[in-house]
Structures are given as structure tokens and as C-alpha cells.
Amino acid sequence: MLLFSARETAIVAALIQAPFWVHVIIVAIIISGYFTIKTSAEERKTEESWIEQEGQVYMDRIKEAREQRGMSKEG
């Protein structure tokens, strides 16, 4: 516990003493990660929606083909 506390203090002290541009880079990395996760989630939703639409088109074609086969057998 004491080792973790000492290590944590050293990291915080190093960050505080770091130049301004290091802080800017760290913030940029965090923002970039956030937008990557956000964009990934939006793309996943869009892709799932597209897959559902294409699946529905496919199911409609199968239904039409079955109906046509049923009509051709009757007639």
C-alpha cells in the first residue's frame, strides 16, 4: 500500500512538473479516444440498421418466390 502511494505521488509530481505541451498531448489523446469510441458506436448502429434492412429485403424476396411457386402449382 505504501509503495503504491509513493509511486502514485511520483507520477503526479512528474505530471505537474511536465511542460505545458505534454499536458496538451495527454488531453488530445483522451479526446481522440473518446471520439474514436463514439464514432465506433455510431458506425455499429448504422451497420446494424443496414443489415436489418437488407435482411428484410431478402426475406421479402423469399416470400414472393414462395408465393409464386404456390400459384404456379395451383394453376
N, C-alpha and C. Protein backbone atom coordinates (compact mmCIF):
# COMPACT_ATOMS: atom_id res chain seq x y z
N MET A 1 0.83 -1.19 0.00
CA MET A 1 0.00 0.00 0.00
C MET A 1 0.87 1.25 0.00
N LEU A 2 1.91 1.22 0.80
CA LEU A 2 2.82 2.37 0.88
C LEU A 2 3.57 2.56 -0.42
N LEU A 3 3.95 1.43 -1.07
CA LEU A 3 4.66 1.51 -2.34
C LEU A 3 3.76 2.12 -3.42
N PHE A 4 2.50 1.70 -3.46
CA PHE A 4 1.57 2.26 -4.43
C PHE A 4 1.37 3.75 -4.19
N SER A 5 1.25 4.14 -2.96
CA SER A 5 1.07 5.54 -2.61
C SER A 5 2.28 6.37 -3.03
N ALA A 6 3.48 5.85 -2.79
CA ALA A 6 4.71 6.57 -3.17
C ALA A 6 4.83 6.66 -4.68
N ARG A 7 4.50 5.58 -5.37
CA ARG A 7 4.57 5.58 -6.83
C ARG A 7 3.56 6.56 -7.42
N GLU A 8 2.35 6.56 -6.85
CA GLU A 8 1.32 7.47 -7.32
C GLU A 8 1.75 8.92 -7.13
N THR A 9 2.37 9.22 -6.04
CA THR A 9 2.84 10.57 -5.77
C THR A 9 3.92 10.97 -6.76
N ALA A 10 4.79 10.03 -7.12
CA ALA A 10 5.85 10.32 -8.08
C ALA A 10 5.27 10.61 -9.46
N ILE A 11 4.27 9.86 -9.85
CA ILE A 11 3.63 10.08 -11.15
C ILE A 11 2.95 11.44 -11.18
N VAL A 12 2.23 11.75 -10.13
CA VAL A 12 1.55 13.04 -10.06
C VAL A 12 2.56 14.18 -10.07
N ALA A 13 3.64 14.01 -9.33
CA ALA A 13 4.66 15.05 -9.28
C ALA A 13 5.30 15.23 -10.66
N ALA A 14 5.53 14.14 -11.37
CA ALA A 14 6.13 14.22 -12.71
C ALA A 14 5.17 14.93 -13.66
N LEU A 15 3.89 14.65 -13.56
CA LEU A 15 2.92 15.31 -14.43
C LEU A 15 2.81 16.80 -14.13
N ILE A 16 2.88 17.13 -12.88
CA ILE A 16 2.79 18.54 -12.51
C ILE A 16 4.00 19.31 -13.02
N GLN A 17 5.16 18.70 -12.99
CA GLN A 17 6.38 19.36 -13.42
C GLN A 17 6.59 19.30 -14.93
N ALA A 18 5.76 18.56 -15.64
CA ALA A 18 5.91 18.40 -17.09
C ALA A 18 5.62 19.72 -17.79
N PRO A 19 6.22 19.92 -18.97
CA PRO A 19 5.94 21.14 -19.74
C PRO A 19 4.48 21.19 -20.20
N PHE A 20 4.04 22.36 -20.57
CA PHE A 20 2.65 22.57 -20.99
C PHE A 20 2.26 21.68 -22.17
N TRP A 21 3.15 21.52 -23.13
CA TRP A 21 2.81 20.75 -24.33
C TRP A 21 2.53 19.29 -24.00
N VAL A 22 3.12 18.76 -22.94
CA VAL A 22 2.84 17.38 -22.53
C VAL A 22 1.39 17.27 -22.07
N HIS A 23 0.92 18.27 -21.35
CA HIS A 23 -0.48 18.28 -20.90
C HIS A 23 -1.42 18.36 -22.11
N VAL A 24 -1.05 19.16 -23.09
CA VAL A 24 -1.87 19.29 -24.30
C VAL A 24 -1.95 17.95 -25.02
N ILE A 25 -0.82 17.24 -25.13
CA ILE A 25 -0.80 15.93 -25.79
C ILE A 25 -1.66 14.93 -25.04
N ILE A 26 -1.58 14.93 -23.72
CA ILE A 26 -2.39 13.99 -22.92
C ILE A 26 -3.87 14.27 -23.11
N VAL A 27 -4.26 15.53 -23.10
CA VAL A 27 -5.67 15.88 -23.32
C VAL A 27 -6.10 15.49 -24.73
N ALA A 28 -5.23 15.71 -25.70
CA ALA A 28 -5.56 15.35 -27.09
C ALA A 28 -5.74 13.84 -27.23
N ILE A 29 -4.93 13.06 -26.57
CA ILE A 29 -5.07 11.59 -26.61
C ILE A 29 -6.40 11.17 -25.99
N ILE A 30 -6.76 11.78 -24.88
CA ILE A 30 -8.03 11.43 -24.22
C ILE A 30 -9.22 11.80 -25.11
N ILE A 31 -9.18 13.00 -25.70
CA ILE A 31 -10.27 13.43 -26.59
C ILE A 31 -10.34 12.53 -27.81
N SER A 32 -9.20 12.18 -28.37
CA SER A 32 -9.16 11.30 -29.53
C SER A 32 -9.77 9.93 -29.20
N GLY A 33 -9.44 9.39 -28.05
CA GLY A 33 -10.02 8.12 -27.63
C GLY A 33 -11.52 8.20 -27.46
N TYR A 34 -11.99 9.28 -26.88
CA TYR A 34 -13.43 9.47 -26.69
C TYR A 34 -14.15 9.49 -28.04
N PHE A 35 -13.64 10.27 -28.98
CA PHE A 35 -14.29 10.36 -30.28
C PHE A 35 -14.19 9.06 -31.07
N THR A 36 -13.11 8.32 -30.87
CA THR A 36 -12.99 7.02 -31.53
C THR A 36 -14.07 6.07 -31.04
N ILE A 37 -14.28 6.03 -29.74
CA ILE A 37 -15.31 5.16 -29.17
C ILE A 37 -16.70 5.62 -29.61
N LYS A 38 -16.93 6.92 -29.60
CA LYS A 38 -18.23 7.46 -30.00
C LYS A 38 -18.52 7.15 -31.47
N THR A 39 -17.55 7.37 -32.35
CA THR A 39 -17.72 7.11 -33.77
C THR A 39 -17.93 5.62 -34.03
N SER A 40 -17.21 4.79 -33.32
CA SER A 40 -17.34 3.34 -33.47
C SER A 40 -18.76 2.89 -33.11
N ALA A 41 -19.31 3.44 -32.05
CA ALA A 41 -20.67 3.08 -31.64
C ALA A 41 -21.69 3.53 -32.68
N GLU A 42 -21.51 4.72 -33.24
CA GLU A 42 -22.43 5.22 -34.27
C GLU A 42 -22.34 4.36 -35.52
N GLU A 43 -21.14 3.99 -35.92
CA GLU A 43 -20.97 3.15 -37.11
C GLU A 43 -21.60 1.78 -36.90
N ARG A 44 -21.46 1.23 -35.69
CA ARG A 44 -22.04 -0.07 -35.40
C ARG A 44 -23.57 0.00 -35.51
N LYS A 45 -24.18 1.06 -34.99
CA LYS A 45 -25.63 1.22 -35.09
C LYS A 45 -26.06 1.35 -36.55
N THR A 46 -25.33 2.14 -37.32
CA THR A 46 -25.66 2.33 -38.73
C THR A 46 -25.54 1.01 -39.49
N GLU A 47 -24.48 0.27 -39.20
CA GLU A 47 -24.26 -1.01 -39.88
C GLU A 47 -25.35 -2.01 -39.52
N GLU A 48 -25.74 -2.07 -38.25
CA GLU A 48 -26.81 -2.98 -37.85
C GLU A 48 -28.12 -2.62 -38.52
N SER A 49 -28.40 -1.34 -38.64
CA SER A 49 -29.62 -0.89 -39.31
C SER A 49 -29.60 -1.32 -40.78
N TRP A 50 -28.46 -1.15 -41.43
CA TRP A 50 -28.35 -1.51 -42.85
C TRP A 50 -28.51 -3.02 -43.01
N ILE A 51 -27.91 -3.79 -42.12
CA ILE A 51 -28.02 -5.26 -42.19
C ILE A 51 -29.48 -5.68 -42.00
N GLU A 52 -30.18 -5.05 -41.08
CA GLU A 52 -31.59 -5.38 -40.87
C GLU A 52 -32.42 -5.06 -42.12
N GLN A 53 -32.15 -3.93 -42.76
CA GLN A 53 -32.88 -3.57 -43.97
C GLN A 53 -32.61 -4.57 -45.09
N GLU A 54 -31.36 -4.93 -45.27
CA GLU A 54 -31.02 -5.90 -46.32
C GLU A 54 -31.61 -7.27 -46.02
N GLY A 55 -31.63 -7.64 -44.75
CA GLY A 55 -32.24 -8.91 -44.35
C GLY A 55 -33.74 -8.91 -44.64
N GLN A 56 -34.38 -7.77 -44.42
CA GLN A 56 -35.82 -7.69 -44.70
C GLN A 56 -36.08 -7.80 -46.20
N VAL A 57 -35.23 -7.17 -47.02
CA VAL A 57 -35.37 -7.28 -48.47
C VAL A 57 -35.22 -8.74 -48.89
N TYR A 58 -34.25 -9.42 -48.32
CA TYR A 58 -34.02 -10.83 -48.64
C TYR A 58 -35.23 -11.68 -48.24
N MET A 59 -35.77 -11.44 -47.05
CA MET A 59 -36.93 -12.20 -46.60
C MET A 59 -38.15 -11.92 -47.48
N ASP A 60 -38.30 -10.67 -47.93
CA ASP A 60 -39.41 -10.34 -48.84
C ASP A 60 -39.27 -11.08 -50.16
N ARG A 61 -38.07 -11.18 -50.67
CA ARG A 61 -37.84 -11.92 -51.93
C ARG A 61 -38.17 -13.40 -51.77
N ILE A 62 -37.79 -13.97 -50.63
CA ILE A 62 -38.10 -15.38 -50.38
C ILE A 62 -39.61 -15.58 -50.31
N LYS A 63 -40.29 -14.67 -49.63
CA LYS A 63 -41.74 -14.76 -49.50
C LYS A 63 -42.41 -14.67 -50.87
N GLU A 64 -41.96 -13.73 -51.71
CA GLU A 64 -42.52 -13.60 -53.06
C GLU A 64 -42.27 -14.85 -53.89
N ALA A 65 -41.07 -15.41 -53.76
CA ALA A 65 -40.75 -16.63 -54.52
C ALA A 65 -41.64 -17.78 -54.07
N ARG A 66 -41.89 -17.92 -52.78
CA ARG A 66 -42.77 -18.98 -52.28
C ARG A 66 -44.20 -18.78 -52.78
N GLU A 67 -44.65 -17.52 -52.79
CA GLU A 67 -46.00 -17.24 -53.28
C GLU A 67 -46.12 -17.57 -54.76
N GLN A 68 -45.11 -17.24 -55.55
CA GLN A 68 -45.14 -17.54 -56.98
C GLN A 68 -45.11 -19.04 -57.22
N ARG A 69 -44.33 -19.77 -56.43
CA ARG A 69 -44.30 -21.23 -56.57
C ARG A 69 -45.65 -21.83 -56.20
N GLY A 70 -46.27 -21.27 -55.20
CA GLY A 70 -47.58 -21.77 -54.78
C GLY A 70 -48.62 -21.50 -55.86
N MET A 71 -48.56 -20.35 -56.50
CA MET A 71 -49.51 -20.03 -57.57
C MET A 71 -49.26 -20.90 -58.79
N SER A 72 -48.01 -21.18 -59.10
CA SER A 72 -47.71 -21.97 -60.30
C SER A 72 -48.13 -23.43 -60.09
N LYS A 73 -48.09 -23.93 -58.86
CA LYS A 73 -48.52 -25.30 -58.60
C LYS A 73 -50.04 -25.43 -58.68
N GLU A 74 -50.73 -24.36 -58.28
CA GLU A 74 -52.19 -24.39 -58.28
C GLU A 74 -52.73 -24.23 -59.70
N GLY A 75 -52.07 -23.38 -60.51
CA GLY A 75 -52.59 -23.06 -61.83
C GLY A 75 -52.11 -23.96 -62.85
